Amino acid sequence: MTGVKRFGKDRKLDPRYVGPFRVIERIGVTAYRLELPANFPGVHDVFHVSQLRKCVHSDRQVLDFVPPLEPNLSYVEVPVRILDARDRVLRKKTIPMVKVLWKNHDVESATWELESAMREAYPHLFP
């Protein structure tokens, strides 16, 4: 895995899918070569079929792919708003948690974070 680029850094906030991209050729039974944009310099262009999803193309629908990625194939996650707040009760202590909606993610991908860490890093989210 040395030198292999990934789409993101934090596993739980990785984008689920990146694309759509055009299939250039079929390699064997289970691999495809894709036409990747020039801003993905370190990404190998051959993917196994388990990593691909079908894209139904419509002539009326134009897909302009503008990735939110930096040149090193990473992006900065920015919280949009706090969805919920709860106290996580352990045996001897209570930890305040907040459910955070992140930019470029849907509501199902919202994560529970420590309230103290979020207040310190993003005070504008709290009234």
N, C-alpha and C. Protein backbone atom coordinates (compact mmCIF):
# COMPACT_ATOMS: atom_id res chain seq x y z
N MET A 1 0.82 -1.20 0.00
CA MET A 1 0.00 0.00 0.00
C MET A 1 0.86 1.26 0.00
N THR A 2 2.18 1.14 -0.04
CA THR A 2 3.03 2.30 -0.05
C THR A 2 2.88 3.04 -1.37
N GLY A 3 2.61 4.32 -1.30
CA GLY A 3 2.46 5.14 -2.48
C GLY A 3 1.08 5.13 -3.09
N VAL A 4 0.14 4.38 -2.51
CA VAL A 4 -1.21 4.31 -3.05
C VAL A 4 -2.02 5.45 -2.47
N LYS A 5 -2.69 6.20 -3.33
CA LYS A 5 -3.50 7.34 -2.89
C LYS A 5 -4.91 6.88 -2.56
N ARG A 6 -5.52 7.51 -1.56
CA ARG A 6 -6.91 7.24 -1.19
C ARG A 6 -7.70 8.52 -1.33
N PHE A 7 -9.01 8.38 -1.48
CA PHE A 7 -9.89 9.55 -1.60
C PHE A 7 -10.30 9.99 -0.21
N GLY A 8 -9.44 10.71 0.50
CA GLY A 8 -9.76 11.19 1.83
C GLY A 8 -8.81 10.63 2.86
N LYS A 9 -8.89 11.13 4.08
CA LYS A 9 -7.98 10.69 5.13
C LYS A 9 -8.70 9.92 6.21
N ASP A 10 -9.77 10.50 6.74
CA ASP A 10 -10.49 9.88 7.84
C ASP A 10 -11.46 8.86 7.28
N ARG A 11 -11.37 7.61 7.73
CA ARG A 11 -12.14 6.52 7.14
C ARG A 11 -13.65 6.75 7.24
N LYS A 12 -14.13 7.25 8.38
CA LYS A 12 -15.58 7.37 8.53
C LYS A 12 -16.16 8.54 7.75
N LEU A 13 -15.32 9.47 7.30
CA LEU A 13 -15.81 10.61 6.53
C LEU A 13 -15.41 10.55 5.06
N ASP A 14 -14.87 9.42 4.61
CA ASP A 14 -14.51 9.27 3.21
C ASP A 14 -15.74 9.39 2.32
N PRO A 15 -15.59 9.97 1.15
CA PRO A 15 -16.72 9.95 0.24
C PRO A 15 -17.01 8.51 -0.19
N ARG A 16 -18.27 8.14 -0.26
CA ARG A 16 -18.61 6.76 -0.61
C ARG A 16 -18.24 6.45 -2.05
N TYR A 17 -18.53 7.37 -2.95
CA TYR A 17 -18.23 7.17 -4.36
C TYR A 17 -17.71 8.47 -4.94
N VAL A 18 -16.79 8.35 -5.88
CA VAL A 18 -16.25 9.50 -6.59
C VAL A 18 -16.51 9.25 -8.06
N GLY A 19 -17.05 10.23 -8.75
CA GLY A 19 -17.30 9.99 -10.16
C GLY A 19 -18.55 10.70 -10.62
N PRO A 20 -19.09 10.43 -11.72
CA PRO A 20 -18.92 9.29 -12.63
C PRO A 20 -17.75 9.47 -13.60
N PHE A 21 -17.18 8.34 -14.02
CA PHE A 21 -16.09 8.34 -14.99
C PHE A 21 -16.42 7.38 -16.11
N ARG A 22 -15.87 7.65 -17.29
CA ARG A 22 -16.13 6.81 -18.46
C ARG A 22 -15.24 5.58 -18.43
N VAL A 23 -15.81 4.43 -18.81
CA VAL A 23 -15.05 3.18 -18.89
C VAL A 23 -14.32 3.16 -20.23
N ILE A 24 -13.00 3.00 -20.18
CA ILE A 24 -12.19 2.97 -21.40
C ILE A 24 -12.13 1.55 -21.96
N GLU A 25 -11.80 0.58 -21.10
CA GLU A 25 -11.70 -0.79 -21.58
C GLU A 25 -11.96 -1.77 -20.44
N ARG A 26 -12.30 -2.97 -20.85
CA ARG A 26 -12.50 -4.06 -19.89
C ARG A 26 -11.22 -4.88 -19.85
N ILE A 27 -10.72 -5.12 -18.63
CA ILE A 27 -9.49 -5.87 -18.46
C ILE A 27 -9.85 -7.17 -17.75
N GLY A 28 -9.82 -8.26 -18.47
CA GLY A 28 -10.18 -9.55 -17.87
C GLY A 28 -11.68 -9.61 -17.59
N VAL A 29 -12.03 -10.45 -16.62
CA VAL A 29 -13.43 -10.66 -16.29
C VAL A 29 -13.94 -9.67 -15.26
N THR A 30 -13.08 -9.23 -14.35
CA THR A 30 -13.55 -8.46 -13.20
C THR A 30 -12.90 -7.09 -13.04
N ALA A 31 -12.21 -6.58 -14.04
CA ALA A 31 -11.55 -5.28 -13.89
C ALA A 31 -11.84 -4.38 -15.08
N TYR A 32 -11.89 -3.08 -14.79
CA TYR A 32 -12.15 -2.07 -15.82
C TYR A 32 -11.16 -0.93 -15.68
N ARG A 33 -10.75 -0.38 -16.83
CA ARG A 33 -9.90 0.81 -16.84
C ARG A 33 -10.81 2.02 -17.05
N LEU A 34 -10.67 3.03 -16.17
CA LEU A 34 -11.52 4.22 -16.24
C LEU A 34 -10.74 5.42 -16.72
N GLU A 35 -11.43 6.36 -17.31
CA GLU A 35 -10.83 7.62 -17.73
C GLU A 35 -10.94 8.59 -16.56
N LEU A 36 -9.84 8.78 -15.85
CA LEU A 36 -9.82 9.65 -14.66
C LEU A 36 -9.36 11.05 -15.06
N PRO A 37 -9.83 12.09 -14.36
CA PRO A 37 -9.38 13.46 -14.67
C PRO A 37 -7.90 13.66 -14.32
N ALA A 38 -7.33 14.71 -14.86
CA ALA A 38 -5.91 14.99 -14.66
C ALA A 38 -5.57 15.36 -13.22
N ASN A 39 -6.57 15.77 -12.41
CA ASN A 39 -6.26 16.14 -11.03
C ASN A 39 -6.23 14.93 -10.10
N PHE A 40 -6.21 13.70 -10.63
CA PHE A 40 -6.01 12.48 -9.85
C PHE A 40 -4.70 11.83 -10.29
N PRO A 41 -3.56 12.50 -10.07
CA PRO A 41 -2.31 11.98 -10.65
C PRO A 41 -1.82 10.67 -10.03
N GLY A 42 -2.08 10.42 -8.76
CA GLY A 42 -1.53 9.23 -8.12
C GLY A 42 -2.49 8.08 -8.02
N VAL A 43 -3.66 8.18 -8.63
CA VAL A 43 -4.67 7.13 -8.52
C VAL A 43 -4.55 6.18 -9.71
N HIS A 44 -4.46 4.89 -9.42
CA HIS A 44 -4.39 3.88 -10.47
C HIS A 44 -5.73 3.85 -11.20
N ASP A 45 -5.71 3.69 -12.52
CA ASP A 45 -6.93 3.80 -13.30
C ASP A 45 -7.66 2.48 -13.53
N VAL A 46 -7.21 1.37 -12.94
CA VAL A 46 -7.88 0.08 -13.07
C VAL A 46 -8.58 -0.25 -11.76
N PHE A 47 -9.89 -0.59 -11.85
CA PHE A 47 -10.70 -0.86 -10.67
C PHE A 47 -11.41 -2.20 -10.81
N HIS A 48 -11.57 -2.89 -9.69
CA HIS A 48 -12.34 -4.13 -9.65
C HIS A 48 -13.83 -3.78 -9.71
N VAL A 49 -14.64 -4.69 -10.25
CA VAL A 49 -16.06 -4.41 -10.41
C VAL A 49 -16.76 -4.17 -9.08
N SER A 50 -16.23 -4.70 -7.98
CA SER A 50 -16.86 -4.49 -6.68
C SER A 50 -16.73 -3.04 -6.21
N GLN A 51 -15.80 -2.28 -6.80
CA GLN A 51 -15.61 -0.88 -6.44
C GLN A 51 -16.39 0.07 -7.33
N LEU A 52 -17.09 -0.45 -8.31
CA LEU A 52 -17.80 0.39 -9.28
C LEU A 52 -19.30 0.30 -9.08
N ARG A 53 -20.01 1.36 -9.44
CA ARG A 53 -21.47 1.39 -9.42
C ARG A 53 -21.95 1.85 -10.79
N LYS A 54 -23.09 1.34 -11.21
CA LYS A 54 -23.64 1.68 -12.51
C LYS A 54 -24.20 3.09 -12.48
N CYS A 55 -23.92 3.85 -13.53
CA CYS A 55 -24.45 5.20 -13.67
C CYS A 55 -25.38 5.21 -14.87
N VAL A 56 -26.65 5.47 -14.63
CA VAL A 56 -27.62 5.54 -15.72
C VAL A 56 -27.55 6.94 -16.30
N HIS A 57 -27.14 7.03 -17.55
CA HIS A 57 -26.92 8.34 -18.18
C HIS A 57 -28.16 8.77 -18.95
N SER A 58 -28.51 10.00 -18.81
CA SER A 58 -29.60 10.61 -19.57
C SER A 58 -29.04 11.75 -20.38
N ASP A 59 -29.51 11.91 -21.61
CA ASP A 59 -29.02 13.00 -22.45
C ASP A 59 -29.38 14.37 -21.90
N ARG A 60 -30.49 14.44 -21.17
CA ARG A 60 -30.90 15.71 -20.59
C ARG A 60 -30.08 16.06 -19.35
N GLN A 61 -29.51 15.07 -18.73
CA GLN A 61 -28.75 15.29 -17.50
C GLN A 61 -27.27 15.40 -17.84
N VAL A 62 -26.69 16.54 -17.55
CA VAL A 62 -25.28 16.77 -17.81
C VAL A 62 -24.55 16.70 -16.48
N LEU A 63 -23.56 15.83 -16.41
CA LEU A 63 -22.82 15.65 -15.17
C LEU A 63 -21.47 16.34 -15.30
N ASP A 64 -21.33 17.46 -14.62
CA ASP A 64 -20.05 18.14 -14.55
C ASP A 64 -19.42 17.79 -13.22
N PHE A 65 -18.35 17.02 -13.25
CA PHE A 65 -17.71 16.57 -12.02
C PHE A 65 -16.65 17.57 -11.60
N VAL A 66 -16.88 18.22 -10.48
CA VAL A 66 -15.91 19.13 -9.89
C VAL A 66 -15.61 18.58 -8.51
N PRO A 67 -14.50 17.87 -8.35
CA PRO A 67 -14.23 17.25 -7.06
C PRO A 67 -13.86 18.27 -6.00
N PRO A 68 -14.28 18.05 -4.75
CA PRO A 68 -13.90 18.94 -3.66
C PRO A 68 -12.54 18.58 -3.10
N LEU A 69 -11.65 18.03 -3.94
CA LEU A 69 -10.37 17.51 -3.47
C LEU A 69 -9.25 18.50 -3.69
N GLU A 70 -8.30 18.45 -2.80
CA GLU A 70 -7.07 19.23 -2.93
C GLU A 70 -6.15 18.49 -3.90
N PRO A 71 -5.03 19.10 -4.32
CA PRO A 71 -4.11 18.40 -5.23
C PRO A 71 -3.54 17.10 -4.66
N ASN A 72 -3.47 16.97 -3.33
CA ASN A 72 -2.97 15.73 -2.74
C ASN A 72 -4.09 14.73 -2.46
N LEU A 73 -5.25 14.90 -3.11
CA LEU A 73 -6.41 14.00 -3.02
C LEU A 73 -7.02 13.95 -1.63
N SER A 74 -6.95 15.04 -0.91
CA SER A 74 -7.62 15.13 0.38
C SER A 74 -8.53 16.35 0.35
N TYR A 75 -9.43 16.43 1.30
CA TYR A 75 -10.27 17.61 1.39
C TYR A 75 -10.56 17.90 2.86
N VAL A 76 -10.90 19.14 3.14
CA VAL A 76 -11.13 19.58 4.50
C VAL A 76 -12.61 19.41 4.81
N GLU A 77 -12.91 18.69 5.87
CA GLU A 77 -14.29 18.54 6.29
C GLU A 77 -14.70 19.76 7.11
N VAL A 78 -15.84 20.32 6.77
CA VAL A 78 -16.35 21.50 7.46
C VAL A 78 -17.74 21.17 7.99
N PRO A 79 -17.97 21.39 9.28
CA PRO A 79 -19.31 21.12 9.80
C PRO A 79 -20.29 22.20 9.36
N VAL A 80 -21.51 21.78 9.04
CA VAL A 80 -22.54 22.71 8.60
C VAL A 80 -23.39 23.15 9.78
N ARG A 81 -23.88 22.17 10.55
CA ARG A 81 -24.70 22.50 11.71
C ARG A 81 -24.79 21.32 12.66
N ILE A 82 -25.27 21.61 13.87
CA ILE A 82 -25.49 20.59 14.89
C ILE A 82 -26.93 20.10 14.75
N LEU A 83 -27.09 18.78 14.59
CA LEU A 83 -28.42 18.21 14.41
C LEU A 83 -29.07 17.80 15.73
N ASP A 84 -28.28 17.30 16.68
CA ASP A 84 -28.83 16.75 17.91
C ASP A 84 -27.75 16.80 18.99
N ALA A 85 -28.17 16.75 20.23
CA ALA A 85 -27.24 16.71 21.36
C ALA A 85 -27.75 15.69 22.38
N ARG A 86 -26.83 14.90 22.89
CA ARG A 86 -27.16 13.88 23.89
C ARG A 86 -26.01 13.72 24.86
N ASP A 87 -26.35 13.16 26.00
CA ASP A 87 -25.32 12.80 26.98
C ASP A 87 -25.11 11.30 26.91
N ARG A 88 -23.87 10.90 26.70
CA ARG A 88 -23.54 9.47 26.69
C ARG A 88 -23.18 9.09 28.12
N VAL A 89 -23.95 8.20 28.68
CA VAL A 89 -23.78 7.83 30.08
C VAL A 89 -22.94 6.57 30.15
N LEU A 90 -21.79 6.70 30.82
CA LEU A 90 -20.94 5.55 31.11
C LEU A 90 -21.18 5.14 32.56
N ARG A 91 -20.41 4.25 33.09
CA ARG A 91 -20.64 3.78 34.46
C ARG A 91 -20.47 4.89 35.50
N LYS A 92 -19.38 5.65 35.35
CA LYS A 92 -19.10 6.64 36.39
C LYS A 92 -19.09 8.08 35.89
N LYS A 93 -19.30 8.28 34.61
CA LYS A 93 -19.30 9.66 34.11
C LYS A 93 -20.24 9.82 32.93
N THR A 94 -20.54 11.07 32.63
CA THR A 94 -21.42 11.42 31.53
C THR A 94 -20.64 12.27 30.54
N ILE A 95 -20.73 11.92 29.25
CA ILE A 95 -19.99 12.64 28.22
C ILE A 95 -20.99 13.31 27.28
N PRO A 96 -20.97 14.66 27.18
CA PRO A 96 -21.87 15.34 26.24
C PRO A 96 -21.40 15.15 24.80
N MET A 97 -22.33 14.73 23.93
CA MET A 97 -22.03 14.48 22.53
C MET A 97 -22.99 15.30 21.66
N VAL A 98 -22.55 15.65 20.45
CA VAL A 98 -23.39 16.35 19.49
C VAL A 98 -23.33 15.62 18.15
N LYS A 99 -24.46 15.59 17.45
CA LYS A 99 -24.51 14.99 16.12
C LYS A 99 -24.27 16.09 15.10
N VAL A 100 -23.23 15.93 14.28
CA VAL A 100 -22.77 16.99 13.38
C VAL A 100 -23.04 16.61 11.93
N LEU A 101 -23.64 17.53 11.20
CA LEU A 101 -23.83 17.39 9.75
C LEU A 101 -22.64 18.03 9.07
N TRP A 102 -21.94 17.25 8.22
CA TRP A 102 -20.74 17.73 7.55
C TRP A 102 -21.06 18.16 6.13
N LYS A 103 -20.28 19.12 5.62
CA LYS A 103 -20.44 19.58 4.25
C LYS A 103 -20.09 18.43 3.30
N ASN A 104 -20.76 18.37 2.17
CA ASN A 104 -20.59 17.33 1.15
C ASN A 104 -21.04 15.95 1.61
N HIS A 105 -21.86 15.87 2.68
CA HIS A 105 -22.40 14.60 3.16
C HIS A 105 -23.89 14.78 3.42
N ASP A 106 -24.62 13.69 3.39
CA ASP A 106 -26.05 13.76 3.67
C ASP A 106 -26.31 13.52 5.16
N VAL A 107 -27.58 13.61 5.55
CA VAL A 107 -27.94 13.52 6.97
C VAL A 107 -27.61 12.14 7.52
N GLU A 108 -27.72 11.09 6.69
CA GLU A 108 -27.42 9.75 7.17
C GLU A 108 -25.94 9.58 7.53
N SER A 109 -25.09 10.43 6.99
CA SER A 109 -23.66 10.35 7.26
C SER A 109 -23.22 11.24 8.42
N ALA A 110 -24.16 11.86 9.11
CA ALA A 110 -23.81 12.71 10.26
C ALA A 110 -23.16 11.86 11.35
N THR A 111 -22.21 12.44 12.05
CA THR A 111 -21.45 11.69 13.05
C THR A 111 -21.62 12.31 14.43
N TRP A 112 -21.48 11.47 15.43
CA TRP A 112 -21.49 11.94 16.82
C TRP A 112 -20.08 12.31 17.22
N GLU A 113 -19.92 13.53 17.73
CA GLU A 113 -18.61 14.05 18.14
C GLU A 113 -18.70 14.57 19.57
N LEU A 114 -17.54 14.71 20.22
CA LEU A 114 -17.49 15.29 21.56
C LEU A 114 -17.88 16.76 21.50
N GLU A 115 -18.77 17.16 22.38
CA GLU A 115 -19.22 18.55 22.40
C GLU A 115 -18.08 19.49 22.73
N SER A 116 -17.22 19.11 23.65
CA SER A 116 -16.11 19.98 24.04
C SER A 116 -15.15 20.22 22.87
N ALA A 117 -14.88 19.19 22.10
CA ALA A 117 -13.97 19.34 20.95
C ALA A 117 -14.61 20.21 19.87
N MET A 118 -15.90 20.04 19.65
CA MET A 118 -16.59 20.84 18.64
C MET A 118 -16.71 22.31 19.07
N ARG A 119 -16.95 22.54 20.36
CA ARG A 119 -17.02 23.93 20.86
C ARG A 119 -15.68 24.63 20.70
N GLU A 120 -14.61 23.89 20.92
CA GLU A 120 -13.28 24.47 20.82
C GLU A 120 -12.91 24.76 19.36
N ALA A 121 -13.20 23.82 18.46
CA ALA A 121 -12.81 23.97 17.07
C ALA A 121 -13.78 24.84 16.26
N TYR A 122 -15.10 24.75 16.56
CA TYR A 122 -16.11 25.45 15.79
C TYR A 122 -17.11 26.15 16.74
N PRO A 123 -16.70 27.24 17.41
CA PRO A 123 -17.61 27.90 18.34
C PRO A 123 -18.81 28.57 17.68
N HIS A 124 -18.73 28.85 16.39
CA HIS A 124 -19.83 29.52 15.69
C HIS A 124 -21.05 28.61 15.53
N LEU A 125 -20.93 27.33 15.74
CA LEU A 125 -22.06 26.40 15.60
C LEU A 125 -22.96 26.39 16.83
N PHE A 126 -22.48 26.92 17.94
CA PHE A 126 -23.23 26.88 19.19
C PHE A 126 -23.79 28.25 19.52
N PRO A 127 -25.05 28.30 19.98
CA PRO A 127 -25.66 29.60 20.32
C PRO A 127 -25.09 30.20 21.58
